[in-house]
C-alpha atoms as a PDB file:
ATOM      1  CA  MET A   1      -3.230 -23.261   4.487  1.00  0.00           C
ATOM      2  CA  THR A   2      -0.407 -24.006   6.889  1.00  0.00           C
ATOM      3  CA  MET A   3       2.607 -21.744   6.996  1.00  0.00           C
ATOM      4  CA  SER A   4       5.119 -20.881   9.652  1.00  0.00           C
ATOM      5  CA  ALA A   5       6.027 -17.259  10.174  1.00  0.00           C
ATOM      6  CA  THR A   6       9.537 -16.128   9.364  1.00  0.00           C
ATOM      7  CA  THR A   7      11.374 -13.661  11.559  1.00  0.00           C
ATOM      8  CA  PRO A   8      14.029 -11.852   9.499  1.00  0.00           C
ATOM      9  CA  SER A   9      17.628 -12.375  10.532  1.00  0.00           C
ATOM     10  CA  PRO A  10      19.483  -9.334  11.870  1.00  0.00           C
ATOM     11  CA  ASN A  11      21.477  -9.098   8.623  1.00  0.00           C
ATOM     12  CA  PRO A  12      19.309 -10.183   5.665  1.00  0.00           C
ATOM     13  CA  GLN A  13      20.714 -10.001   2.151  1.00  0.00           C
ATOM     14  CA  THR A  14      20.525  -6.534   0.699  1.00  0.00           C
ATOM     15  CA  VAL A  15      19.379  -5.194  -2.655  1.00  0.00           C
ATOM     16  CA  LEU A  16      18.339  -8.366  -4.447  1.00  0.00           C
ATOM     17  CA  PRO A  17      17.196  -8.320  -7.168  1.00  0.00           C
ATOM     18  CA  PRO A  18      19.519  -5.482  -8.232  1.00  0.00           C
ATOM     19  CA  LEU A  19      18.160  -1.961  -8.239  1.00  0.00           C
ATOM     20  CA  GLU A  20      19.629   0.959 -10.128  1.00  0.00           C
ATOM     21  CA  LEU A  21      20.459   3.023  -7.064  1.00  0.00           C
ATOM     22  CA  PRO A  22      20.633   5.567  -5.585  1.00  0.00           C
ATOM     23  CA  TRP A  23      17.003   6.322  -4.891  1.00  0.00           C
ATOM     24  CA  GLN A  24      15.970   9.680  -6.317  1.00  0.00           C
ATOM     25  CA  PRO A  25      13.371  12.031  -4.778  1.00  0.00           C
ATOM     26  CA  VAL A  26      10.763  12.810  -7.444  1.00  0.00           C
ATOM     27  CA  SER A  27       8.198  14.887  -5.551  1.00  0.00           C
ATOM     28  CA  PRO A  28       7.943  17.752  -3.097  1.00  0.00           C
ATOM     29  CA  ARG A  29       7.850  16.781   0.581  1.00  0.00           C
ATOM     30  CA  LEU A  30       4.454  15.261   1.412  1.00  0.00           C
ATOM     31  CA  GLN A  31       3.042  14.718   4.875  1.00  0.00           C
ATOM     32  CA  LEU A  32       1.965  11.071   4.556  1.00  0.00           C
ATOM     33  CA  GLY A  33       2.304   9.518   1.114  1.00  0.00           C
ATOM     34  CA  GLU A  34       0.228   6.361   0.530  1.00  0.00           C
ATOM     35  CA  GLY A  35      -2.285   4.622  -1.728  1.00  0.00           C
ATOM     36  CA  VAL A  36      -0.288   4.492  -4.970  1.00  0.00           C
ATOM     37  CA  CYS A  37      -1.606   3.072  -8.252  1.00  0.00           C
ATOM     38  CA  TRP A  38      -0.026   2.848 -11.718  1.00  0.00           C
ATOM     39  CA  SER A  39      -2.284   3.944 -14.609  1.00  0.00           C
ATOM     40  CA  GLU A  40      -1.378   2.259 -17.877  1.00  0.00           C
ATOM     41  CA  ASP A  41      -3.592   4.471 -20.068  1.00  0.00           C
ATOM     42  CA  GLN A  42      -2.378   7.706 -18.476  1.00  0.00           C
ATOM     43  CA  GLN A  43       1.225   6.440 -18.128  1.00  0.00           C
ATOM     44  CA  ALA A  44       1.452   7.905 -14.638  1.00  0.00           C
ATOM     45  CA  PHE A  45       1.483   6.967 -10.978  1.00  0.00           C
ATOM     46  CA  PHE A  46      -1.345   8.337  -8.872  1.00  0.00           C
ATOM     47  CA  GLY A  47      -1.238   8.441  -5.097  1.00  0.00           C
ATOM     48  CA  CYS A  48      -2.427  10.176  -1.954  1.00  0.00           C
ATOM     49  CA  ASP A  49      -1.063  12.477   0.710  1.00  0.00           C
ATOM     50  CA  ILE A  50      -3.351  11.426   3.559  1.00  0.00           C
ATOM     51  CA  ASP A  51      -2.516  14.167   6.045  1.00  0.00           C
ATOM     52  CA  GLY A  52      -2.015  16.698   3.252  1.00  0.00           C
ATOM     53  CA  GLY A  53      -5.501  15.982   1.867  1.00  0.00           C
ATOM     54  CA  SER A  54      -4.515  15.569  -1.775  1.00  0.00           C
ATOM     55  CA  VAL A  55      -4.399  13.126  -4.670  1.00  0.00           C
ATOM     56  CA  TRP A  56      -1.299  13.532  -6.828  1.00  0.00           C
ATOM     57  CA  ARG A  57       0.045  12.422 -10.195  1.00  0.00           C
ATOM     58  CA  LEU A  58       3.631  11.492 -11.027  1.00  0.00           C
ATOM     59  CA  ARG A  59       4.768  11.201 -14.640  1.00  0.00           C
ATOM     60  CA  PHE A  60       8.101  10.004 -16.011  1.00  0.00           C
ATOM     61  CA  ASP A  61       9.594  10.293 -19.482  1.00  0.00           C
ATOM     62  CA  GLY A  62       9.411   6.636 -20.423  1.00  0.00           C
ATOM     63  CA  THR A  63      11.830   4.676 -18.262  1.00  0.00           C
ATOM     64  CA  LYS A  64      13.898   7.716 -17.233  1.00  0.00           C
ATOM     65  CA  ILE A  65      13.908   8.657 -13.552  1.00  0.00           C
ATOM     66  CA  ASP A  66      15.306  12.148 -14.093  1.00  0.00           C
ATOM     67  CA  GLY A  67      12.891  14.950 -14.941  1.00  0.00           C
ATOM     68  CA  ALA A  68       9.756  13.490 -13.330  1.00  0.00           C
ATOM     69  CA  GLN A  69       6.686  15.737 -13.345  1.00  0.00           C
ATOM     70  CA  PHE A  70       4.599  15.938 -10.174  1.00  0.00           C
ATOM     71  CA  ASP A  71       1.271  17.718  -9.740  1.00  0.00           C
ATOM     72  CA  THR A  72      -1.824  17.682  -7.520  1.00  0.00           C
ATOM     73  CA  VAL A  73      -5.059  16.612  -9.217  1.00  0.00           C
ATOM     74  CA  ALA A  74      -7.690  16.650  -6.419  1.00  0.00           C
ATOM     75  CA  HIS A  75      -8.330  17.392  -2.753  1.00  0.00           C
ATOM     76  CA  PHE A  76     -10.217  15.289  -0.184  1.00  0.00           C
ATOM     77  CA  THR A  77     -10.238  14.861   3.578  1.00  0.00           C
ATOM     78  CA  ASP A  78      -7.707  12.157   4.475  1.00  0.00           C
ATOM     79  CA  PRO A  79      -7.584  10.367   1.097  1.00  0.00           C
ATOM     80  CA  SER A  80      -5.882   6.998   1.573  1.00  0.00           C
ATOM     81  CA  ALA A  81      -6.015   5.248  -1.820  1.00  0.00           C
ATOM     82  CA  CYS A  82      -6.963   5.842  -5.437  1.00  0.00           C
ATOM     83  CA  VAL A  83      -7.774   3.062  -7.900  1.00  0.00           C
ATOM     84  CA  GLN A  84      -8.903   2.980 -11.505  1.00  0.00           C
ATOM     85  CA  THR A  85     -12.035   1.490 -13.046  1.00  0.00           C
ATOM     86  CA  VAL A  86     -12.337  -0.467 -16.291  1.00  0.00           C
ATOM     87  CA  HIS A  87     -13.688   2.744 -17.846  1.00  0.00           C
ATOM     88  CA  GLY A  88     -10.630   4.772 -16.864  1.00  0.00           C
ATOM     89  CA  GLU A  89     -12.417   6.615 -14.065  1.00  0.00           C
ATOM     90  CA  TRP A  90     -11.258   6.669 -10.433  1.00  0.00           C
ATOM     91  CA  LEU A  91     -12.349   5.716  -6.956  1.00  0.00           C
ATOM     92  CA  VAL A  92     -10.813   7.523  -3.978  1.00  0.00           C
ATOM     93  CA  SER A  93     -11.219   6.408  -0.371  1.00  0.00           C
ATOM     94  CA  ALA A  94     -11.527   9.497   1.859  1.00  0.00           C
ATOM     95  CA  ARG A  95     -12.503  10.065   5.484  1.00  0.00           C
ATOM     96  CA  ASP A  96     -16.240  10.419   4.767  1.00  0.00           C
ATOM     97  CA  GLY A  97     -16.537   7.732   2.107  1.00  0.00           C
ATOM     98  CA  ILE A  98     -15.678   6.391  -1.334  1.00  0.00           C
ATOM     99  CA  TYR A  99     -15.691   9.017  -4.070  1.00  0.00           C
ATOM    100  CA  ALA A 100     -16.210   8.376  -7.765  1.00  0.00           C
ATOM    101  CA  CYS A 101     -14.127  10.656  -9.995  1.00  0.00           C
ATOM    102  CA  SER A 102     -13.841  11.224 -13.716  1.00  0.00           C
ATOM    103  CA  ALA A 103     -10.643  10.244 -15.535  1.00  0.00           C
ATOM    104  CA  ASP A 104      -9.195  13.750 -15.142  1.00  0.00           C
ATOM    105  CA  PHE A 105     -10.690  14.273 -11.638  1.00  0.00           C
ATOM    106  CA  SER A 106     -12.693  17.283 -12.852  1.00  0.00           C
ATOM    107  CA  GLN A 107     -15.922  15.579 -11.720  1.00  0.00           C
ATOM    108  CA  GLN A 108     -16.336  14.014  -8.281  1.00  0.00           C
ATOM    109  CA  ARG A 109     -19.202  12.701  -6.192  1.00  0.00           C
ATOM    110  CA  LEU A 110     -19.531  10.800  -2.945  1.00  0.00           C
ATOM    111  CA  TRP A 111     -20.648   7.322  -3.987  1.00  0.00           C
ATOM    112  CA  VAL A 112     -20.566   5.216  -0.794  1.00  0.00           C
ATOM    113  CA  PRO A 113     -20.466   6.872   2.659  1.00  0.00           C
ATOM    114  CA  SER A 114     -18.103   5.438   5.262  1.00  0.00           C
ATOM    115  CA  PRO A 115     -19.944   2.829   7.391  1.00  0.00           C
ATOM    116  CA  PHE A 116     -18.134   3.662  10.653  1.00  0.00           C
ATOM    117  CA  ASP A 117     -17.606   6.480  13.135  1.00  0.00           C
ATOM    118  CA  THR A 118     -15.305   8.745  11.127  1.00  0.00           C
ATOM    119  CA  ALA A 119     -14.223  10.546  14.301  1.00  0.00           C
ATOM    120  CA  GLN A 120     -12.310   7.403  15.318  1.00  0.00           C
ATOM    121  CA  GLU A 121     -11.794   5.376  12.169  1.00  0.00           C
ATOM    122  CA  ARG A 122     -10.739   6.013   8.590  1.00  0.00           C
ATOM    123  CA  TRP A 123      -9.908   4.101   5.438  1.00  0.00           C
ATOM    124  CA  ASN A 124      -6.295   3.035   5.106  1.00  0.00           C
ATOM    125  CA  ASP A 125      -4.704   0.621   2.648  1.00  0.00           C
ATOM    126  CA  ALA A 126      -6.874  -0.419  -0.297  1.00  0.00           C
ATOM    127  CA  ARG A 127      -6.616  -1.903  -3.778  1.00  0.00           C
ATOM    128  CA  ILE A 128      -8.580  -3.698  -6.491  1.00  0.00           C
ATOM    129  CA  GLY A 129      -8.610  -7.453  -6.035  1.00  0.00           C
ATOM    130  CA  PRO A 130      -8.404 -10.167  -8.707  1.00  0.00           C
ATOM    131  CA  ASP A 131     -12.217 -10.388  -8.527  1.00  0.00           C
ATOM    132  CA  GLY A 132     -12.534  -6.789  -9.756  1.00  0.00           C
ATOM    133  CA  ALA A 133     -13.898  -5.502  -6.426  1.00  0.00           C
ATOM    134  CA  PHE A 134     -12.447  -2.671  -4.328  1.00  0.00           C
ATOM    135  CA  TRP A 135     -10.960  -4.110  -1.124  1.00  0.00           C
ATOM    136  CA  LEU A 136     -10.382  -1.610   1.668  1.00  0.00           C
ATOM    137  CA  MET A 137      -8.866  -1.825   5.142  1.00  0.00           C
ATOM    138  CA  THR A 138      -9.414   0.647   7.947  1.00  0.00           C
ATOM    139  CA  ILE A 139      -7.371   2.034  10.795  1.00  0.00           C
ATOM    140  CA  TYR A 140      -8.979   2.352  14.218  1.00  0.00           C
ATOM    141  CA  GLU A 141      -7.191   5.453  15.460  1.00  0.00           C
ATOM    142  CA  PRO A 142      -7.477   4.780  19.236  1.00  0.00           C
ATOM    143  CA  ARG A 143      -5.849   1.379  18.423  1.00  0.00           C
ATOM    144  CA  GLN A 144      -7.657  -0.439  21.241  1.00  0.00           C
ATOM    145  CA  PRO A 145      -9.904  -2.323  21.195  1.00  0.00           C
ATOM    146  CA  PRO A 146      -9.054  -3.759  17.740  1.00  0.00           C
ATOM    147  CA  LEU A 147     -12.097  -2.550  15.773  1.00  0.00           C
ATOM    148  CA  ALA A 148     -10.596  -1.991  12.315  1.00  0.00           C
ATOM    149  CA  ARG A 149     -11.971  -4.094   9.462  1.00  0.00           C
ATOM    150  CA  LEU A 150     -11.509  -5.276   5.899  1.00  0.00           C
ATOM    151  CA  TYR A 151     -14.335  -4.421   3.464  1.00  0.00           C
ATOM    152  CA  ARG A 152     -15.246  -5.360  -0.088  1.00  0.00           C
ATOM    153  CA  LEU A 153     -17.008  -2.922  -2.433  1.00  0.00           C
ATOM    154  CA  ASP A 154     -18.574  -4.320  -5.609  1.00  0.00           C
ATOM    155  CA  GLY A 155     -19.577  -2.597  -8.849  1.00  0.00           C
ATOM    156  CA  THR A 156     -23.144  -2.008  -7.689  1.00  0.00           C
ATOM    157  CA  GLY A 157     -22.040  -0.061  -4.605  1.00  0.00           C
ATOM    158  CA  VAL A 158     -22.609  -2.855  -2.071  1.00  0.00           C
ATOM    159  CA  LEU A 159     -20.042  -2.600   0.742  1.00  0.00           C
ATOM    160  CA  THR A 160     -19.570  -5.802   2.746  1.00  0.00           C
ATOM    161  CA  PRO A 161     -17.438  -6.371   5.885  1.00  0.00           C
ATOM    162  CA  GLN A 162     -15.016  -9.233   5.258  1.00  0.00           C
ATOM    163  CA  MET A 163     -12.819  -9.357   8.361  1.00  0.00           C
ATOM    164  CA  GLN A 164     -12.638  -7.705  11.774  1.00  0.00           C
ATOM    165  CA  GLY A 165     -10.343  -7.579  14.804  1.00  0.00           C
ATOM    166  CA  LEU A 166      -7.632  -5.383  13.245  1.00  0.00           C
ATOM    167  CA  THR A 167      -6.020  -2.199  14.555  1.00  0.00           C
ATOM    168  CA  VAL A 168      -4.108  -0.814  11.540  1.00  0.00           C
ATOM    169  CA  GLY A 169      -5.111  -2.681   8.388  1.00  0.00           C
ATOM    170  CA  ASN A 170      -2.312  -2.492   5.820  1.00  0.00           C
ATOM    171  CA  GLY A 171      -0.266  -4.249   3.140  1.00  0.00           C
ATOM    172  CA  LEU A 172      -3.212  -5.646   1.191  1.00  0.00           C
ATOM    173  CA  ASN A 173      -2.217  -7.899  -1.711  1.00  0.00           C
ATOM    174  CA  TRP A 174      -2.780 -11.261  -3.434  1.00  0.00           C
ATOM    175  CA  SER A 175      -0.640 -14.152  -4.593  1.00  0.00           C
ATOM    176  CA  ALA A 176       0.060 -14.461  -8.317  1.00  0.00           C
ATOM    177  CA  ASP A 177      -2.530 -17.239  -8.663  1.00  0.00           C
ATOM    178  CA  ALA A 178      -5.125 -15.119  -6.782  1.00  0.00           C
ATOM    179  CA  ARG A 179      -5.742 -17.957  -4.313  1.00  0.00           C
ATOM    180  CA  THR A 180      -4.152 -16.312  -1.280  1.00  0.00           C
ATOM    181  CA  LEU A 181      -4.926 -12.989   0.356  1.00  0.00           C
ATOM    182  CA  LEU A 182      -2.080 -11.203   2.121  1.00  0.00           C
ATOM    183  CA  TRP A 183      -2.398  -8.350   4.626  1.00  0.00           C
ATOM    184  CA  ALA A 184      -0.588  -6.735   7.538  1.00  0.00           C
ATOM    185  CA  ASP A 185      -1.783  -5.498  10.889  1.00  0.00           C
ATOM    186  CA  THR A 186       0.930  -2.914  11.406  1.00  0.00           C
ATOM    187  CA  THR A 187       0.568  -2.676  15.181  1.00  0.00           C
ATOM    188  CA  SER A 188       1.167  -6.428  15.556  1.00  0.00           C
ATOM    189  CA  HIS A 189       4.354  -6.219  13.442  1.00  0.00           C
ATOM    190  CA  SER A 190       3.022  -9.143  11.387  1.00  0.00           C
ATOM    191  CA  VAL A 191       2.000 -10.062   7.842  1.00  0.00           C
ATOM    192  CA  TYR A 192      -0.791 -12.637   7.533  1.00  0.00           C
ATOM    193  CA  SER A 193      -2.360 -14.738   4.798  1.00  0.00           C
ATOM    194  CA  ALA A 194      -5.578 -16.660   4.263  1.00  0.00           C
ATOM    195  CA  ASP A 195      -7.184 -18.638   1.462  1.00  0.00           C
ATOM    196  CA  PHE A 196      -8.976 -16.346  -0.974  1.00  0.00           C
ATOM    197  CA  PRO A 197     -12.283 -17.754  -2.254  1.00  0.00           C
ATOM    198  CA  LEU A 198     -11.979 -16.444  -5.813  1.00  0.00           C
ATOM    199  CA  GLU A 199     -15.265 -18.011  -6.922  1.00  0.00           C
ATOM    200  CA  SER A 200     -17.256 -16.617  -3.963  1.00  0.00           C
ATOM    201  CA  THR A 201     -15.490 -13.445  -2.888  1.00  0.00           C
ATOM    202  CA  ALA A 202     -18.643 -11.917  -1.422  1.00  0.00           C
ATOM    203  CA  ASP A 203     -18.303 -14.395   1.451  1.00  0.00           C
ATOM    204  CA  PRO A 204     -16.328 -13.261   4.526  1.00  0.00           C
ATOM    205  CA  ILE A 205     -12.658 -14.196   4.680  1.00  0.00           C
ATOM    206  CA  ASP A 206     -12.040 -17.017   7.131  1.00  0.00           C
ATOM    207  CA  SER A 207      -9.651 -15.090   9.385  1.00  0.00           C
ATOM    208  CA  ALA A 208      -9.722 -17.960  11.900  1.00  0.00           C
ATOM    209  CA  ALA A 209      -7.671 -19.919   9.382  1.00  0.00           C
ATOM    210  CA  GLN A 210      -5.125 -17.161   8.894  1.00  0.00           C
ATOM    211  CA  SER A 211      -1.403 -17.873   8.976  1.00  0.00           C
ATOM    212  CA  ALA A 212       1.403 -15.532   9.985  1.00  0.00           C
ATOM    213  CA  VAL A 213       3.755 -15.185   7.015  1.00  0.00           C
ATOM    214  CA  LEU A 214       6.182 -12.724   8.549  1.00  0.00           C
ATOM    215  CA  ARG A 215       6.769 -11.417  12.064  1.00  0.00           C
ATOM    216  CA  LEU A 216       9.060  -8.445  12.646  1.00  0.00           C
ATOM    217  CA  PRO A 217      10.593  -7.992  16.091  1.00  0.00           C
ATOM    218  CA  ARG A 218       9.116  -5.253  18.258  1.00  0.00           C
ATOM    219  CA  LYS A 219      11.484  -2.703  19.775  1.00  0.00           C
ATOM    220  CA  THR A 220      11.017  -4.267  23.194  1.00  0.00           C
ATOM    221  CA  ASP A 221      11.999  -7.719  21.865  1.00  0.00           C
ATOM    222  CA  LEU A 222      15.331  -6.719  20.356  1.00  0.00           C
ATOM    223  CA  PRO A 223      18.669  -7.681  21.892  1.00  0.00           C
ATOM    224  CA  GLU A 224      20.720  -4.749  23.070  1.00  0.00           C
ATOM    225  CA  GLY A 225      22.489  -3.063  20.186  1.00  0.00           C
ATOM    226  CA  GLN A 226      20.295  -4.516  17.418  1.00  0.00           C
ATOM    227  CA  ALA A 227      18.651  -1.910  15.221  1.00  0.00           C
ATOM    228  CA  TYR A 228      14.873  -1.788  14.928  1.00  0.00           C
ATOM    229  CA  GLY A 229      13.722  -3.040  11.514  1.00  0.00           C
ATOM    230  CA  GLY A 230      10.320  -1.355  11.515  1.00  0.00           C
ATOM    231  CA  ARG A 231       6.779  -2.657  11.175  1.00  0.00           C
ATOM    232  CA  PRO A 232       4.978  -3.665   7.952  1.00  0.00           C
ATOM    233  CA  ASP A 233       3.094  -0.971   6.065  1.00  0.00           C
ATOM    234  CA  GLY A 234       2.107  -0.948   2.382  1.00  0.00           C
ATOM    235  CA  CYS A 235       2.999  -3.834   0.070  1.00  0.00           C
ATOM    236  CA  ALA A 236       3.713  -4.532  -3.608  1.00  0.00           C
ATOM    237  CA  ARG A 237       4.156  -7.820  -5.486  1.00  0.00           C
ATOM    238  CA  ASP A 238       6.651  -8.419  -8.282  1.00  0.00           C
ATOM    239  CA  GLU A 239       6.412 -10.722 -11.309  1.00  0.00           C
ATOM    240  CA  THR A 240       8.347 -13.473  -9.524  1.00  0.00           C
ATOM    241  CA  GLY A 241       5.612 -13.708  -6.872  1.00  0.00           C
ATOM    242  CA  HIS A 242       7.654 -12.029  -4.146  1.00  0.00           C
ATOM    243  CA  PHE A 243       6.195  -9.336  -1.924  1.00  0.00           C
ATOM    244  CA  TRP A 244       7.814  -6.043  -0.953  1.00  0.00           C
ATOM    245  CA  SER A 245       6.702  -4.563   2.370  1.00  0.00           C
ATOM    246  CA  ALA A 246       7.582  -1.037   3.422  1.00  0.00           C
ATOM    247  CA  CYS A 247       8.860  -1.110   7.003  1.00  0.00           C
ATOM    248  CA  PHE A 248       7.694   2.012   8.824  1.00  0.00           C
ATOM    249  CA  GLU A 249      10.427   3.370  11.098  1.00  0.00           C
ATOM    250  CA  GLY A 250      12.764   0.698   9.723  1.00  0.00           C
ATOM    251  CA  GLY A 251      14.249   2.507   6.719  1.00  0.00           C
ATOM    252  CA  GLN A 252      13.856  -0.516   4.446  1.00  0.00           C
ATOM    253  CA  LEU A 253      11.694  -2.601   2.172  1.00  0.00           C
ATOM    254  CA  LEU A 254      11.562  -6.332   2.926  1.00  0.00           C
ATOM    255  CA  ARG A 255      11.216  -8.709  -0.009  1.00  0.00           C
ATOM    256  CA  TYR A 256       9.965 -12.213   0.775  1.00  0.00           C
ATOM    257  CA  GLY A 257       8.005 -15.144  -0.597  1.00  0.00           C
ATOM    258  CA  LEU A 258       4.501 -16.194   0.348  1.00  0.00           C
ATOM    259  CA  ASP A 259       6.026 -18.698   2.766  1.00  0.00           C
ATOM    260  CA  GLY A 260       7.999 -15.901   4.451  1.00  0.00           C
ATOM    261  CA  ALA A 261      11.288 -17.288   3.154  1.00  0.00           C
ATOM    262  CA  ALA A 262      14.145 -15.584   1.295  1.00  0.00           C
ATOM    263  CA  VAL A 263      13.849 -12.344   3.223  1.00  0.00           C
ATOM    264  CA  GLN A 264      15.926  -9.584   1.650  1.00  0.00           C
ATOM    265  CA  SER A 265      16.406  -6.018   2.826  1.00  0.00           C
ATOM    266  CA  VAL A 266      16.289  -3.119   0.386  1.00  0.00           C
ATOM    267  CA  PRO A 267      17.408   0.042   2.191  1.00  0.00           C
ATOM    268  CA  VAL A 268      15.712   3.371   1.503  1.00  0.00           C
ATOM    269  CA  PRO A 269      17.013   6.826   2.524  1.00  0.00           C
ATOM    270  CA  VAL A 270      14.043   7.600   4.800  1.00  0.00           C
ATOM    271  CA  ARG A 271      13.138   6.178   8.190  1.00  0.00           C
ATOM    272  CA  CYS A 272       9.429   5.812   7.442  1.00  0.00           C
ATOM    273  CA  PRO A 273       8.690   4.321   4.006  1.00  0.00           C
ATOM    274  CA  THR A 274       4.968   3.675   3.598  1.00  0.00           C
ATOM    275  CA  MET A 275       4.182   1.988   0.270  1.00  0.00           C
ATOM    276  CA  PRO A 276       6.116   0.621  -2.733  1.00  0.00           C
ATOM    277  CA  CYS A 277       4.577   0.414  -6.205  1.00  0.00           C
ATOM    278  CA  PHE A 278       5.804  -0.890  -9.565  1.00  0.00           C
ATOM    279  CA  GLY A 279       4.891   0.812 -12.814  1.00  0.00           C
ATOM    280  CA  GLY A 280       6.248   2.467 -15.921  1.00  0.00           C
ATOM    281  CA  PRO A 281       5.979   1.244 -19.526  1.00  0.00           C
ATOM    282  CA  ASP A 282       7.893  -1.944 -18.681  1.00  0.00           C
ATOM    283  CA  GLY A 283       6.711  -2.316 -15.063  1.00  0.00           C
ATOM    284  CA  ARG A 284      10.267  -1.825 -13.766  1.00  0.00           C
ATOM    285  CA  THR A 285      10.020   1.665 -12.295  1.00  0.00           C
ATOM    286  CA  LEU A 286       9.737   1.256  -8.531  1.00  0.00           C
ATOM    287  CA  ILE A 287       8.508   4.132  -6.390  1.00  0.00           C
ATOM    288  CA  VAL A 288       8.167   4.335  -2.617  1.00  0.00           C
ATOM    289  CA  THR A 289       6.125   6.848  -0.634  1.00  0.00           C
ATOM    290  CA  SER A 290       7.150   8.022   2.830  1.00  0.00           C
ATOM    291  CA  ALA A 291       6.081  10.063   5.853  1.00  0.00           C
ATOM    292  CA  SER A 292       7.219  13.374   7.318  1.00  0.00           C
ATOM    293  CA  HIS A 293       4.189  14.522   9.347  1.00  0.00           C
ATOM    294  CA  LYS A 294       4.686  14.348  13.135  1.00  0.00           C
ATOM    295  CA  ARG A 295       8.187  12.954  12.717  1.00  0.00           C
ATOM    296  CA  PRO A 296      10.917  14.283  15.076  1.00  0.00           C
ATOM    297  CA  ALA A 297      12.988  17.223  13.875  1.00  0.00           C
ATOM    298  CA  ASP A 298      16.260  15.318  14.285  1.00  0.00           C
ATOM    299  CA  GLU A 299      14.911  12.484  12.124  1.00  0.00           C
ATOM    300  CA  LEU A 300      13.928  14.897   9.346  1.00  0.00           C
ATOM    301  CA  ALA A 301      17.358  16.514   9.544  1.00  0.00           C
ATOM    302  CA  ALA A 302      19.105  13.136   9.340  1.00  0.00           C
ATOM    303  CA  HIS A 303      16.811  11.936   6.533  1.00  0.00           C
ATOM    304  CA  PRO A 304      16.079  14.987   4.344  1.00  0.00           C
ATOM    305  CA  HIS A 305      14.146  12.907   1.782  1.00  0.00           C
ATOM    306  CA  SER A 306      11.473  12.058   4.387  1.00  0.00           C
ATOM    307  CA  GLY A 307       8.014  12.667   2.952  1.00  0.00           C
ATOM    308  CA  HIS A 308       9.240  12.606  -0.629  1.00  0.00           C
ATOM    309  CA  VAL A 309       8.288  10.006  -3.208  1.00  0.00           C
ATOM    310  CA  LEU A 310      11.446   8.064  -4.089  1.00  0.00           C
ATOM    311  CA  ALA A 311      12.112   6.274  -7.363  1.00  0.00           C
ATOM    312  CA  CYS A 312      14.600   3.891  -8.922  1.00  0.00           C
ATOM    313  CA  ARG A 313      14.713   1.263 -11.657  1.00  0.00           C
ATOM    314  CA  SER A 314      14.360  -2.422 -10.815  1.00  0.00           C
ATOM    315  CA  ALA A 315      15.633  -5.562 -12.548  1.00  0.00           C
ATOM    316  CA  VAL A 316      12.296  -7.227 -11.800  1.00  0.00           C
ATOM    317  CA  ALA A 317       8.913  -5.878 -12.920  1.00  0.00           C
ATOM    318  CA  GLY A 318       5.582  -5.684 -11.167  1.00  0.00           C
ATOM    319  CA  PRO A 319       2.258  -6.875 -12.636  1.00  0.00           C
ATOM    320  CA  ALA A 320      -0.307  -4.462 -14.033  1.00  0.00           C
ATOM    321  CA  PRO A 321      -2.901  -3.517 -11.393  1.00  0.00           C
ATOM    322  CA  HIS A 322      -6.418  -4.918 -11.493  1.00  0.00           C
ATOM    323  CA  ARG A 323      -9.234  -2.513 -12.364  1.00  0.00           C
ATOM    324  CA  PHE A 324     -12.586  -2.005 -10.708  1.00  0.00           C
ATOM    325  CA  GLN A 325     -15.326  -3.890 -12.530  1.00  0.00           C
ATOM    326  CA  ARG A 326     -18.484  -1.857 -13.085  1.00  0.00           C
ATOM    327  CA  GLU A 327     -20.964  -2.117 -15.943  1.00  0.00           C
ATOM    328  CA  HIS A 328     -21.604   1.588 -16.410  1.00  0.00           C
ATOM    329  CA  ARG A 329     -19.499   4.726 -16.228  1.00  0.00           C
ATOM    330  CA  PHE A 330     -19.957   7.112 -13.309  1.00  0.00           C
ATOM    331  CA  PHE A 331     -19.872  10.201 -15.526  1.00  0.00           C
END
């Protein structure tokens, strides 16, 4: 695969496709919202508050944004993502490992312990791939050397390293035809892609053949007076094949194609959005998580929705999420 990275222009187009704005806060203030998944059978979004140590549920009345119901369903140490199995049960990536949970989270057990030093590394972005496996990225908290990795967990509990040399693994996603893997290394301000071997996904990803899809300017690279656009965090894909990356510290989502072209800016009323996710009965409810923990007091005052989950309606839908393939139920 050969692609050239796109650096967004200082003034990309805004709010295309049209969104029914303004964004509405639909949750209490969280510390670090992340790891969102839409559940078709429960008609709810589920997500994590990493620093708050909780898994939460967000329910809407059909396609209405007003009157959303938010509640906490489980507690873990640093949960980063929750995904659903083909049986309607859940997997949650937490500091000490991957937990299996019943559909209502009333039953939980540690299924696969974390394979790294949890004092310095934790799970970060994760989702189910088109092969039905659970793909997870880590964050190496000291940042250097770059020791974070990408892992693949199959239905039998086998956890396999797939890629190394990362610092903050993020933005995991796939192209609509499932032939291309997309990810971000947030510290590098870049989004990358590589061929995805759909027929042999247990094999390591050939990261040597990776291409940079998108490069965002670092603060130190900006001309005087140009605002910082952030660095890529979590990512969603819409039904047109475009990707939406949350730009941490940039106050925006960037929408772009797999070739990095057609970059569009979708502003959000927080400085640190963390992950977008499509869902709802028609796939057109778009939510975005955000961060408040360890953010400066003046930033929180200027952006009072920081840490809240934000929601709006979109003219374009997102695809239904893949589910974890496993022969037997956990409970």
